[in-house]
């Protein structure tokens, strides 16, 4: 029997997780405020992950006061490949990615030039809280810029793609890759103009893709067919993502990772309020997956590898039943 518009609408209403439900039934119920505060601070998050040897970009320096910024010149004297970001920022705002130098200027991932005074002024804005969730105070984090795996280069414009893995009590339930575009200024954030590519949780291959909330088949800047995207080191990436729950046990958690060709999957940051666009990118509603995890007793106590296996089992059941045999 053909699927009608009304069938699709009923499925949508039943399966898709909305913003209010995410905030009240998941955020308030399963994400304790002290852990949310930890995740909202990228410096504290990296310290927590380092205690469990979860791979992250190396930290070059952290600046907490305007006076300390006098050392910025010395820290970056020989550097031409780094990232400056607010410790308490969100949504990719305030992040500056430097890929090289041209004379006495820095070259951003987008190709735009940035002078020393402009970089220093940007750091001052970060400290003043211009990009912080609280808009009051922040820290400047200078860290290693990871390399892009060559297998992904044709799917990105002037930046590095990242993978968002969504965890429910440490169980991976859905994933997407976010691709930088010209419009996103080389950053891989969907609300800035990046592309969201849904990923088959079993294989790390593309399922669907959206750009500016519309279906996409090709990268708008490179013309690469998005259906051909496949994430390297997929099994290891899921294991690294699941291990984050052992460091920061939030019930509902987004883990953002980059696949470095030399170091493998590295965690960029954690997100206690992961957006819901991952449903659109995958054409999959989150509610059945979340409910299945909630029905399983003892999930929190499982080792990371067992939580990954459980996530794949749930994904097969609800999204890829043809792979259950």
Foldseek 3Di string as FASTA:
>chain_A
DDQDPVNVVVCCVPFADDDVCCCPVALVPFFDPVLQVQQLFQVSLVVLLVVVPQFAFAWQDKAFDLVVCVCVCVSCVPPQFKKKAWRRAPQPPLIWTFHGDDVQWTATLLRDTHHPVRVSVSQVCSQCQVGHPVSHGTMIIMTGAFDADVLCVLQERSAFKKKKFKAAQLATAWIWIFHYDNQLSHDRGQVSFIKTFTAQLVFQFGDWIDTPLHTDQAHPPNRHGRNGDHDPPSVVQQLSSSVSCVSRVGRIKMWMWGQHPVPGTHTHGMHSSDDSCSCSNNVGHCVQVNVVVVVDPPLNVDRSVVSHVVSNQSCCVRPNVVPVD
